[in-house]
C-alpha atoms as a PDB file:
ATOM      1  CA  MET A   1      42.241  51.682  -6.500  1.00  0.00           C
ATOM      2  CA  GLU A   2      42.891  54.709  -4.310  1.00  0.00           C
ATOM      3  CA  ALA A   3      40.266  55.662  -1.741  1.00  0.00           C
ATOM      4  CA  ALA A   4      38.537  59.011  -2.100  1.00  0.00           C
ATOM      5  CA  ARG A   5      40.128  61.686   0.073  1.00  0.00           C
ATOM      6  CA  LEU A   6      37.787  63.456   2.481  1.00  0.00           C
ATOM      7  CA  SER A   7      39.397  66.828   1.804  1.00  0.00           C
ATOM      8  CA  GLU A   8      38.581  66.499  -1.908  1.00  0.00           C
ATOM      9  CA  GLN A   9      34.862  65.835  -1.420  1.00  0.00           C
ATOM     10  CA  PRO A  10      32.695  68.872  -2.278  1.00  0.00           C
ATOM     11  CA  CYS A  11      29.954  67.694   0.075  1.00  0.00           C
ATOM     12  CA  PHE A  12      32.426  67.669   2.958  1.00  0.00           C
ATOM     13  CA  ALA A  13      33.523  71.193   2.033  1.00  0.00           C
ATOM     14  CA  LEU A  14      29.860  72.309   2.146  1.00  0.00           C
ATOM     15  CA  TYR A  15      29.262  70.481   5.420  1.00  0.00           C
ATOM     16  CA  SER A  16      32.320  71.895   7.173  1.00  0.00           C
ATOM     17  CA  ALA A  17      31.683  75.415   5.831  1.00  0.00           C
ATOM     18  CA  ALA A  18      28.057  75.275   7.033  1.00  0.00           C
ATOM     19  CA  ASN A  19      29.247  74.194  10.485  1.00  0.00           C
ATOM     20  CA  ALA A  20      31.806  77.022  10.576  1.00  0.00           C
ATOM     21  CA  VAL A  21      29.154  79.568   9.591  1.00  0.00           C
ATOM     22  CA  THR A  22      26.772  78.314  12.273  1.00  0.00           C
ATOM     23  CA  ARG A  23      29.549  78.570  14.887  1.00  0.00           C
ATOM     24  CA  ALA A  24      30.386  82.100  13.702  1.00  0.00           C
ATOM     25  CA  TYR A  25      26.758  83.162  14.176  1.00  0.00           C
ATOM     26  CA  ARG A  26      26.681  81.968  17.797  1.00  0.00           C
ATOM     27  CA  PRO A  27      28.362  85.028  19.407  1.00  0.00           C
ATOM     28  CA  LEU A  28      26.130  87.321  17.336  1.00  0.00           C
ATOM     29  CA  LEU A  29      22.931  85.477  18.243  1.00  0.00           C
ATOM     30  CA  ASP A  30      23.644  84.626  21.903  1.00  0.00           C
ATOM     31  CA  PRO A  31      22.873  88.189  23.103  1.00  0.00           C
ATOM     32  CA  LEU A  32      19.506  87.895  21.321  1.00  0.00           C
ATOM     33  CA  ASP A  33      18.856  84.489  22.933  1.00  0.00           C
ATOM     34  CA  LEU A  34      18.429  82.849  19.509  1.00  0.00           C
ATOM     35  CA  THR A  35      19.805  79.719  17.919  1.00  0.00           C
ATOM     36  CA  TYR A  36      20.745  79.842  14.259  1.00  0.00           C
ATOM     37  CA  THR A  37      17.594  77.922  13.285  1.00  0.00           C
ATOM     38  CA  GLN A  38      15.439  80.305  15.321  1.00  0.00           C
ATOM     39  CA  TYR A  39      17.169  83.214  13.586  1.00  0.00           C
ATOM     40  CA  ILE A  40      16.376  81.729  10.151  1.00  0.00           C
ATOM     41  CA  VAL A  41      12.727  81.336  11.135  1.00  0.00           C
ATOM     42  CA  MET A  42      12.546  84.894  12.453  1.00  0.00           C
ATOM     43  CA  MET A  43      14.215  86.282   9.311  1.00  0.00           C
ATOM     44  CA  SER A  44      11.678  84.425   7.199  1.00  0.00           C
ATOM     45  CA  LEU A  45       8.783  85.770   9.280  1.00  0.00           C
ATOM     46  CA  TRP A  46      10.186  89.301   9.170  1.00  0.00           C
ATOM     47  CA  GLU A  47      10.008  89.014   5.374  1.00  0.00           C
ATOM     48  CA  ARG A  48       6.626  87.253   5.242  1.00  0.00           C
ATOM     49  CA  ASP A  49       4.559  87.809   8.358  1.00  0.00           C
ATOM     50  CA  GLY A  50       1.201  86.100   8.807  1.00  0.00           C
ATOM     51  CA  VAL A  51       2.002  82.860   6.985  1.00  0.00           C
ATOM     52  CA  ASP A  52       1.080  79.289   7.798  1.00  0.00           C
ATOM     53  CA  LEU A  53       3.563  76.664   8.927  1.00  0.00           C
ATOM     54  CA  ARG A  54       3.829  75.031   5.462  1.00  0.00           C
ATOM     55  CA  THR A  55       4.606  78.364   3.760  1.00  0.00           C
ATOM     56  CA  LEU A  56       7.195  79.152   6.415  1.00  0.00           C
ATOM     57  CA  ALA A  57       8.760  75.697   6.020  1.00  0.00           C
ATOM     58  CA  ASP A  58       9.000  76.172   2.244  1.00  0.00           C
ATOM     59  CA  HIS A  59      10.483  79.665   2.528  1.00  0.00           C
ATOM     60  CA  ALA A  60      13.016  78.744   5.231  1.00  0.00           C
ATOM     61  CA  HIS A  61      13.861  75.383   3.580  1.00  0.00           C
ATOM     62  CA  LEU A  62      13.074  73.505   6.804  1.00  0.00           C
ATOM     63  CA  ASP A  63      10.995  70.376   7.276  1.00  0.00           C
ATOM     64  CA  PRO A  64       7.745  70.963   9.212  1.00  0.00           C
ATOM     65  CA  PRO A  65       8.718  68.370  11.892  1.00  0.00           C
ATOM     66  CA  THR A  66      11.935  70.372  12.477  1.00  0.00           C
ATOM     67  CA  LEU A  67      10.094  73.680  12.360  1.00  0.00           C
ATOM     68  CA  THR A  68       7.283  72.942  14.830  1.00  0.00           C
ATOM     69  CA  PRO A  69       9.428  72.802  18.014  1.00  0.00           C
ATOM     70  CA  VAL A  70      11.377  75.883  16.865  1.00  0.00           C
ATOM     71  CA  VAL A  71       8.154  77.856  16.409  1.00  0.00           C
ATOM     72  CA  LYS A  72       6.890  76.679  19.806  1.00  0.00           C
ATOM     73  CA  ARG A  73      10.105  77.923  21.452  1.00  0.00           C
ATOM     74  CA  LEU A  74       9.818  81.273  19.670  1.00  0.00           C
ATOM     75  CA  GLU A  75       6.215  81.514  20.821  1.00  0.00           C
ATOM     76  CA  GLY A  76       7.342  80.705  24.368  1.00  0.00           C
ATOM     77  CA  LYS A  77       9.800  83.617  24.142  1.00  0.00           C
ATOM     78  CA  GLY A  78       6.942  85.894  23.080  1.00  0.00           C
ATOM     79  CA  LEU A  79       8.404  86.543  19.621  1.00  0.00           C
ATOM     80  CA  VAL A  80       5.636  84.956  17.526  1.00  0.00           C
ATOM     81  CA  SER A  81       2.019  84.013  18.010  1.00  0.00           C
ATOM     82  CA  ARG A  82       0.185  81.083  16.467  1.00  0.00           C
ATOM     83  CA  VAL A  83      -3.524  81.314  15.685  1.00  0.00           C
ATOM     84  CA  ARG A  84      -5.854  79.120  13.677  1.00  0.00           C
ATOM     85  CA  ALA A  85      -6.628  80.399  10.184  1.00  0.00           C
ATOM     86  CA  VAL A  86     -10.146  81.766   9.842  1.00  0.00           C
ATOM     87  CA  ASP A  87     -10.752  79.934   6.562  1.00  0.00           C
ATOM     88  CA  ASP A  88      -9.215  76.596   7.670  1.00  0.00           C
ATOM     89  CA  GLU A  89      -8.872  75.606  11.323  1.00  0.00           C
ATOM     90  CA  ARG A  90      -6.256  72.982  10.434  1.00  0.00           C
ATOM     91  CA  ARG A  91      -3.805  75.728   9.441  1.00  0.00           C
ATOM     92  CA  LEU A  92      -1.782  77.658  12.017  1.00  0.00           C
ATOM     93  CA  VAL A  93      -0.929  81.222  11.025  1.00  0.00           C
ATOM     94  CA  LEU A  94       2.245  82.670  12.500  1.00  0.00           C
ATOM     95  CA  THR A  95       2.526  86.356  13.313  1.00  0.00           C
ATOM     96  CA  VAL A  96       5.491  88.317  14.627  1.00  0.00           C
ATOM     97  CA  THR A  97       4.699  89.984  17.954  1.00  0.00           C
ATOM     98  CA  GLU A  98       5.831  93.448  19.029  1.00  0.00           C
ATOM     99  CA  ALA A  99       8.706  91.785  20.926  1.00  0.00           C
ATOM    100  CA  GLY A 100       9.607  90.014  17.663  1.00  0.00           C
ATOM    101  CA  ARG A 101       9.678  93.376  15.863  1.00  0.00           C
ATOM    102  CA  ARG A 102      11.974  94.825  18.545  1.00  0.00           C
ATOM    103  CA  LEU A 103      14.218  91.795  18.032  1.00  0.00           C
ATOM    104  CA  GLN A 104      14.283  92.567  14.307  1.00  0.00           C
ATOM    105  CA  ARG A 105      15.659  96.029  15.069  1.00  0.00           C
ATOM    106  CA  ASP A 106      18.229  94.521  17.460  1.00  0.00           C
ATOM    107  CA  ALA A 107      19.325  91.993  14.813  1.00  0.00           C
ATOM    108  CA  GLN A 108      19.669  94.500  11.972  1.00  0.00           C
ATOM    109  CA  GLY A 109      23.479  94.483  11.892  1.00  0.00           C
ATOM    110  CA  ILE A 110      23.952  90.711  11.940  1.00  0.00           C
ATOM    111  CA  PRO A 111      23.954  90.060   8.162  1.00  0.00           C
ATOM    112  CA  GLN A 112      26.623  92.722   7.564  1.00  0.00           C
ATOM    113  CA  ALA A 113      28.680  91.490  10.533  1.00  0.00           C
ATOM    114  CA  MET A 114      28.641  87.964   9.096  1.00  0.00           C
ATOM    115  CA  LEU A 115      29.523  89.172   5.618  1.00  0.00           C
ATOM    116  CA  CYS A 116      32.563  90.937   7.071  1.00  0.00           C
ATOM    117  CA  GLN A 117      33.595  87.789   8.974  1.00  0.00           C
ATOM    118  CA  VAL A 118      33.326  85.563   5.912  1.00  0.00           C
ATOM    119  CA  GLY A 119      35.641  87.867   3.969  1.00  0.00           C
ATOM    120  CA  LEU A 120      34.197  87.397   0.484  1.00  0.00           C
ATOM    121  CA  SER A 121      33.770  90.157  -2.039  1.00  0.00           C
ATOM    122  CA  ALA A 122      30.225  90.977  -3.136  1.00  0.00           C
ATOM    123  CA  ALA A 123      30.812  89.091  -6.405  1.00  0.00           C
ATOM    124  CA  GLU A 124      32.225  86.056  -4.578  1.00  0.00           C
ATOM    125  CA  GLU A 125      29.276  86.075  -2.178  1.00  0.00           C
ATOM    126  CA  ARG A 126      26.793  86.132  -5.087  1.00  0.00           C
ATOM    127  CA  ARG A 127      28.671  83.298  -6.816  1.00  0.00           C
ATOM    128  CA  LEU A 128      28.734  81.214  -3.626  1.00  0.00           C
ATOM    129  CA  ARG A 129      25.017  81.790  -3.043  1.00  0.00           C
ATOM    130  CA  THR A 130      24.278  80.848  -6.660  1.00  0.00           C
ATOM    131  CA  LEU A 131      26.308  77.629  -6.391  1.00  0.00           C
ATOM    132  CA  CYS A 132      24.644  76.678  -3.093  1.00  0.00           C
ATOM    133  CA  GLU A 133      21.198  77.335  -4.587  1.00  0.00           C
ATOM    134  CA  GLN A 134      22.136  75.260  -7.630  1.00  0.00           C
ATOM    135  CA  VAL A 135      23.172  72.326  -5.421  1.00  0.00           C
ATOM    136  CA  ARG A 136      19.990  72.619  -3.338  1.00  0.00           C
ATOM    137  CA  HIS A 137      17.730  72.867  -6.405  1.00  0.00           C
ATOM    138  CA  THR A 138      19.486  70.006  -8.181  1.00  0.00           C
ATOM    139  CA  LEU A 139      19.182  67.723  -5.173  1.00  0.00           C
ATOM    140  CA  ALA A 140      15.516  68.707  -4.827  1.00  0.00           C
ATOM    141  CA  GLY A 141      14.919  67.826  -8.484  1.00  0.00           C
ATOM    142  CA  THR A 142      14.223  71.391  -9.679  1.00  0.00           C
ATOM    143  CA  PRO A 143      14.444  71.675 -13.493  1.00  0.00           C
ATOM    144  CA  SER A 144      17.617  73.462 -14.637  1.00  0.00           C
ATOM    145  CA  SER A 145      15.501  76.080 -16.423  1.00  0.00           C
ATOM    146  CA  GLN A 146      14.440  77.332 -12.976  1.00  0.00           C
ATOM    147  CA  LEU A 147      17.940  77.592 -11.483  1.00  0.00           C
ATOM    148  CA  PRO A 148      19.401  81.038 -10.770  1.00  0.00           C
ATOM    149  CA  HIS A 149      22.350  82.164 -12.915  1.00  0.00           C
ATOM    150  CA  ASP A 150      25.458  83.923 -11.521  1.00  0.00           C
ATOM    151  CA  ASP A 151      23.769  87.299 -11.877  1.00  0.00           C
ATOM    152  CA  GLY A 152      20.780  86.106  -9.825  1.00  0.00           C
ATOM    153  CA  HIS A 153      18.529  85.721 -12.834  1.00  0.00           C
ATOM    154  CA  LEU A 154      17.049  82.428 -13.909  1.00  0.00           C
ATOM    155  CA  VAL A 155      18.985  80.454 -16.511  1.00  0.00           C
END
């Protein structure tokens, strides 16, 4: 019986592509003093400001134990603030500061710069995103009726 070849494993292709993407972001994020994970958190907060840690974790697809030190570092940089929710003191609500909004303006060109580096057409990019979402949803146990289709709509 022949052993499975590493180069033929789809999970290895995903892993190595994710590593390459993270490395490609580094020169774009270094001037902003952000790691890729910090950038993901900031992008999520720019979309949904004033959310609690659990909501942020769900939206950014990060585990809360991973997210907590990232948020603390962002707070230390003055980009976000954490305050207790009025209705539930156990919940921390995260808010983007004015410095975080300035960072958003400074980071505006990063998604387009990355898209150019990756070299995919718009259709290929949508297909790749759909396949990645399908893998993530399947591994998370999401019913297939809730998976996005190639056109971005649910199946």
